[in-house]
Amino acid sequence: MSDWLRRAEGGITLTVHVQPGARHNEVAGVHGEALKIRLAAPAIDGRANAALLEFVAKRLGVPRSALQIRSGQTSRRKLLVVLEPPTDAVQRLLGD
């Protein structure tokens, strides 16, 4: 497992570093012990959080309801929980 991805009961946790207001949504690689994700949505009224959950759900091929932000609602660094993730989650997130 990677520093940014850990096993949890019933799924995995992802530590992400979010950069809102980018040109487009993308995984930008690893930033310290977090996966850096650039989002086009601004950090206003929860739009970046909603965009993050949509982006990760689509990238993993899981329903949006399988994800939740466990901590970091108002921070760039967030801890996401993914219930019943695919076995190739790392490859899907990194685009390998």
N, C-alpha and C. Protein backbone atom coordinates (compact mmCIF):
# COMPACT_ATOMS: atom_id res chain seq x y z
N MET A 1 0.84 -1.18 0.00
CA MET A 1 0.00 0.00 0.00
C MET A 1 0.88 1.25 0.00
N SER A 2 0.33 2.32 -0.50
CA SER A 2 1.02 3.60 -0.54
C SER A 2 0.80 4.35 0.76
N ASP A 3 1.61 5.40 0.98
CA ASP A 3 1.44 6.23 2.18
C ASP A 3 0.06 6.90 2.18
N TRP A 4 -0.45 7.23 1.03
CA TRP A 4 -1.72 7.96 0.91
C TRP A 4 -2.94 7.03 0.86
N LEU A 5 -2.72 5.74 0.78
CA LEU A 5 -3.82 4.78 0.70
C LEU A 5 -3.64 3.73 1.79
N ARG A 6 -4.68 3.54 2.59
CA ARG A 6 -4.62 2.57 3.69
C ARG A 6 -5.88 1.72 3.70
N ARG A 7 -5.73 0.50 4.15
CA ARG A 7 -6.90 -0.38 4.31
C ARG A 7 -7.69 0.08 5.53
N ALA A 8 -8.99 -0.02 5.42
CA ALA A 8 -9.88 0.30 6.53
C ALA A 8 -10.98 -0.75 6.55
N GLU A 9 -11.71 -0.82 7.64
CA GLU A 9 -12.78 -1.79 7.73
C GLU A 9 -13.81 -1.55 6.63
N GLY A 10 -13.98 -2.53 5.75
CA GLY A 10 -14.95 -2.43 4.67
C GLY A 10 -14.51 -1.63 3.48
N GLY A 11 -13.25 -1.17 3.48
CA GLY A 11 -12.81 -0.37 2.34
C GLY A 11 -11.40 0.14 2.49
N ILE A 12 -11.17 1.37 2.00
CA ILE A 12 -9.85 2.00 2.07
C ILE A 12 -10.04 3.46 2.46
N THR A 13 -8.95 4.06 2.95
CA THR A 13 -8.93 5.51 3.17
C THR A 13 -7.88 6.10 2.24
N LEU A 14 -8.18 7.27 1.73
CA LEU A 14 -7.27 8.00 0.85
C LEU A 14 -6.95 9.34 1.49
N THR A 15 -5.68 9.66 1.62
CA THR A 15 -5.29 11.00 2.04
C THR A 15 -5.03 11.78 0.77
N VAL A 16 -5.75 12.88 0.59
CA VAL A 16 -5.60 13.68 -0.63
C VAL A 16 -5.27 15.12 -0.29
N HIS A 17 -4.52 15.74 -1.17
CA HIS A 17 -4.21 17.17 -1.11
C HIS A 17 -4.92 17.78 -2.31
N VAL A 18 -5.89 18.64 -2.06
CA VAL A 18 -6.73 19.19 -3.12
C VAL A 18 -6.26 20.58 -3.50
N GLN A 19 -6.19 20.82 -4.81
CA GLN A 19 -5.88 22.14 -5.34
C GLN A 19 -7.10 22.61 -6.14
N PRO A 20 -7.98 23.40 -5.51
CA PRO A 20 -9.16 23.88 -6.23
C PRO A 20 -8.80 25.02 -7.20
N GLY A 21 -9.71 25.28 -8.14
CA GLY A 21 -9.52 26.38 -9.08
C GLY A 21 -8.51 26.08 -10.18
N ALA A 22 -8.24 24.82 -10.45
CA ALA A 22 -7.30 24.45 -11.52
C ALA A 22 -8.01 24.53 -12.87
N ARG A 23 -7.28 24.36 -13.94
CA ARG A 23 -7.87 24.40 -15.28
C ARG A 23 -8.82 23.23 -15.53
N HIS A 24 -8.46 22.05 -15.03
CA HIS A 24 -9.30 20.88 -15.19
C HIS A 24 -9.02 19.89 -14.06
N ASN A 25 -9.88 18.90 -13.94
CA ASN A 25 -9.73 17.89 -12.90
C ASN A 25 -8.68 16.88 -13.32
N GLU A 26 -7.74 16.59 -12.41
CA GLU A 26 -6.71 15.59 -12.70
C GLU A 26 -6.00 15.16 -11.43
N VAL A 27 -5.44 13.96 -11.50
CA VAL A 27 -4.54 13.50 -10.44
C VAL A 27 -3.16 14.00 -10.83
N ALA A 28 -2.53 14.74 -9.93
CA ALA A 28 -1.24 15.37 -10.23
C ALA A 28 -0.07 14.63 -9.61
N GLY A 29 -0.30 13.45 -9.07
CA GLY A 29 0.78 12.66 -8.48
C GLY A 29 0.74 12.69 -6.97
N VAL A 30 1.85 12.37 -6.37
CA VAL A 30 1.93 12.29 -4.92
C VAL A 30 2.54 13.58 -4.38
N HIS A 31 1.94 14.11 -3.32
CA HIS A 31 2.38 15.35 -2.67
C HIS A 31 2.66 15.01 -1.21
N GLY A 32 3.92 14.72 -0.88
CA GLY A 32 4.25 14.27 0.47
C GLY A 32 3.63 12.90 0.72
N GLU A 33 2.77 12.81 1.72
CA GLU A 33 2.09 11.55 2.03
C GLU A 33 0.63 11.60 1.59
N ALA A 34 0.35 12.40 0.56
CA ALA A 34 -1.02 12.53 0.07
C ALA A 34 -1.02 12.45 -1.46
N LEU A 35 -2.16 12.08 -2.00
CA LEU A 35 -2.36 12.07 -3.44
C LEU A 35 -2.87 13.45 -3.82
N LYS A 36 -2.16 14.15 -4.71
CA LYS A 36 -2.56 15.51 -5.09
C LYS A 36 -3.57 15.44 -6.23
N ILE A 37 -4.70 16.10 -6.02
CA ILE A 37 -5.76 16.15 -7.02
C ILE A 37 -6.09 17.60 -7.31
N ARG A 38 -6.00 17.98 -8.58
CA ARG A 38 -6.38 19.32 -9.01
C ARG A 38 -7.83 19.29 -9.47
N LEU A 39 -8.59 20.31 -9.03
CA LEU A 39 -10.01 20.39 -9.37
C LEU A 39 -10.33 21.74 -9.99
N ALA A 40 -11.17 21.73 -11.00
CA ALA A 40 -11.59 22.97 -11.64
C ALA A 40 -12.55 23.76 -10.76
N ALA A 41 -13.26 23.10 -9.88
CA ALA A 41 -14.24 23.76 -9.02
C ALA A 41 -13.54 24.68 -8.01
N PRO A 42 -14.17 25.81 -7.70
CA PRO A 42 -13.61 26.69 -6.67
C PRO A 42 -13.91 26.17 -5.28
N ALA A 43 -13.15 26.65 -4.31
CA ALA A 43 -13.36 26.26 -2.91
C ALA A 43 -14.40 27.17 -2.27
N ILE A 44 -15.58 27.21 -2.86
CA ILE A 44 -16.67 28.06 -2.38
C ILE A 44 -17.90 27.19 -2.18
N ASP A 45 -18.55 27.36 -1.03
CA ASP A 45 -19.82 26.67 -0.75
C ASP A 45 -19.77 25.16 -0.96
N GLY A 46 -18.64 24.52 -0.66
CA GLY A 46 -18.54 23.07 -0.77
C GLY A 46 -18.44 22.54 -2.19
N ARG A 47 -18.27 23.43 -3.18
CA ARG A 47 -18.20 22.96 -4.58
C ARG A 47 -16.98 22.10 -4.84
N ALA A 48 -15.85 22.44 -4.25
CA ALA A 48 -14.64 21.63 -4.46
C ALA A 48 -14.79 20.25 -3.82
N ASN A 49 -15.42 20.18 -2.66
CA ASN A 49 -15.64 18.88 -2.01
C ASN A 49 -16.55 18.01 -2.86
N ALA A 50 -17.63 18.58 -3.39
CA ALA A 50 -18.55 17.82 -4.24
C ALA A 50 -17.83 17.35 -5.50
N ALA A 51 -17.02 18.23 -6.10
CA ALA A 51 -16.28 17.87 -7.31
C ALA A 51 -15.26 16.77 -7.02
N LEU A 52 -14.63 16.84 -5.85
CA LEU A 52 -13.66 15.81 -5.45
C LEU A 52 -14.32 14.45 -5.36
N LEU A 53 -15.45 14.37 -4.69
CA LEU A 53 -16.15 13.10 -4.54
C LEU A 53 -16.62 12.56 -5.89
N GLU A 54 -17.12 13.42 -6.75
CA GLU A 54 -17.54 13.00 -8.09
C GLU A 54 -16.36 12.46 -8.89
N PHE A 55 -15.26 13.21 -8.86
CA PHE A 55 -14.06 12.84 -9.63
C PHE A 55 -13.50 11.50 -9.17
N VAL A 56 -13.34 11.32 -7.86
CA VAL A 56 -12.76 10.07 -7.34
C VAL A 56 -13.71 8.90 -7.61
N ALA A 57 -15.01 9.11 -7.43
CA ALA A 57 -15.98 8.04 -7.69
C ALA A 57 -15.91 7.60 -9.14
N LYS A 58 -15.86 8.56 -10.05
CA LYS A 58 -15.79 8.24 -11.48
C LYS A 58 -14.48 7.52 -11.81
N ARG A 59 -13.39 8.01 -11.25
CA ARG A 59 -12.08 7.43 -11.52
C ARG A 59 -12.01 5.97 -11.03
N LEU A 60 -12.64 5.71 -9.87
CA LEU A 60 -12.62 4.36 -9.31
C LEU A 60 -13.72 3.47 -9.87
N GLY A 61 -14.72 4.07 -10.51
CA GLY A 61 -15.82 3.29 -11.03
C GLY A 61 -16.76 2.79 -9.94
N VAL A 62 -16.92 3.60 -8.89
CA VAL A 62 -17.82 3.26 -7.79
C VAL A 62 -18.90 4.33 -7.71
N PRO A 63 -20.04 4.01 -7.09
CA PRO A 63 -21.07 5.04 -6.94
C PRO A 63 -20.61 6.14 -5.98
N ARG A 64 -21.09 7.33 -6.19
CA ARG A 64 -20.74 8.48 -5.34
C ARG A 64 -21.08 8.18 -3.86
N SER A 65 -22.11 7.38 -3.63
CA SER A 65 -22.52 7.04 -2.27
C SER A 65 -21.50 6.15 -1.55
N ALA A 66 -20.53 5.60 -2.27
CA ALA A 66 -19.50 4.75 -1.66
C ALA A 66 -18.36 5.58 -1.07
N LEU A 67 -18.41 6.91 -1.25
CA LEU A 67 -17.35 7.79 -0.76
C LEU A 67 -17.88 8.78 0.26
N GLN A 68 -17.00 9.13 1.20
CA GLN A 68 -17.33 10.20 2.13
C GLN A 68 -16.04 10.87 2.58
N ILE A 69 -16.14 12.14 2.93
CA ILE A 69 -15.00 12.86 3.49
C ILE A 69 -15.05 12.67 5.00
N ARG A 70 -14.06 11.96 5.53
CA ARG A 70 -14.03 11.69 6.97
C ARG A 70 -13.48 12.89 7.75
N SER A 71 -12.48 13.56 7.20
CA SER A 71 -11.93 14.75 7.85
C SER A 71 -11.37 15.70 6.81
N GLY A 72 -11.29 16.98 7.18
CA GLY A 72 -10.73 17.97 6.28
C GLY A 72 -11.74 18.69 5.41
N GLN A 73 -12.98 18.79 5.85
CA GLN A 73 -14.03 19.44 5.06
C GLN A 73 -13.62 20.82 4.56
N THR A 74 -12.91 21.59 5.38
CA THR A 74 -12.54 22.95 4.98
C THR A 74 -11.04 23.10 4.75
N SER A 75 -10.35 22.01 4.63
CA SER A 75 -8.90 22.02 4.45
C SER A 75 -8.53 21.48 3.07
N ARG A 76 -7.33 21.79 2.63
CA ARG A 76 -6.84 21.20 1.37
C ARG A 76 -6.53 19.72 1.55
N ARG A 77 -6.09 19.34 2.75
CA ARG A 77 -5.78 17.93 3.03
C ARG A 77 -7.03 17.27 3.59
N LYS A 78 -7.44 16.20 2.94
CA LYS A 78 -8.67 15.51 3.31
C LYS A 78 -8.42 14.02 3.45
N LEU A 79 -9.24 13.40 4.25
CA LEU A 79 -9.22 11.95 4.38
C LEU A 79 -10.54 11.44 3.83
N LEU A 80 -10.46 10.67 2.75
CA LEU A 80 -11.64 10.09 2.11
C LEU A 80 -11.76 8.63 2.49
N VAL A 81 -12.98 8.17 2.66
CA VAL A 81 -13.25 6.76 2.88
C VAL A 81 -13.96 6.24 1.64
N VAL A 82 -13.47 5.11 1.12
CA VAL A 82 -14.09 4.46 -0.03
C VAL A 82 -14.53 3.08 0.41
N LEU A 83 -15.84 2.85 0.36
CA LEU A 83 -16.39 1.54 0.72
C LEU A 83 -16.38 0.62 -0.49
N GLU A 84 -15.96 -0.61 -0.28
CA GLU A 84 -15.91 -1.62 -1.33
C GLU A 84 -15.21 -1.12 -2.60
N PRO A 85 -13.95 -0.72 -2.47
CA PRO A 85 -13.21 -0.21 -3.64
C PRO A 85 -12.82 -1.35 -4.58
N PRO A 86 -12.51 -1.01 -5.83
CA PRO A 86 -12.01 -2.03 -6.76
C PRO A 86 -10.62 -2.50 -6.32
N THR A 87 -10.25 -3.70 -6.70
CA THR A 87 -8.95 -4.23 -6.30
C THR A 87 -7.79 -3.47 -6.95
N ASP A 88 -8.05 -2.81 -8.07
CA ASP A 88 -7.00 -2.05 -8.75
C ASP A 88 -7.14 -0.54 -8.51
N ALA A 89 -7.52 -0.16 -7.30
CA ALA A 89 -7.78 1.25 -6.96
C ALA A 89 -6.58 2.15 -7.23
N VAL A 90 -5.38 1.72 -6.86
CA VAL A 90 -4.19 2.54 -7.07
C VAL A 90 -3.97 2.81 -8.55
N GLN A 91 -4.07 1.78 -9.38
CA GLN A 91 -3.87 1.94 -10.81
C GLN A 91 -4.93 2.86 -11.40
N ARG A 92 -6.17 2.73 -10.97
CA ARG A 92 -7.24 3.59 -11.48
C ARG A 92 -7.03 5.03 -11.10
N LEU A 93 -6.58 5.27 -9.86
CA LEU A 93 -6.36 6.64 -9.42
C LEU A 93 -5.17 7.28 -10.10
N LEU A 94 -4.10 6.53 -10.24
CA LEU A 94 -2.90 7.08 -10.86
C LEU A 94 -2.93 7.04 -12.39
N GLY A 95 -3.90 6.32 -12.92
CA GLY A 95 -4.01 6.27 -14.38
C GLY A 95 -3.04 5.34 -15.05
N ASP A 96 -2.48 4.39 -14.30
CA ASP A 96 -1.52 3.43 -14.89
C ASP A 96 -2.24 2.36 -15.68
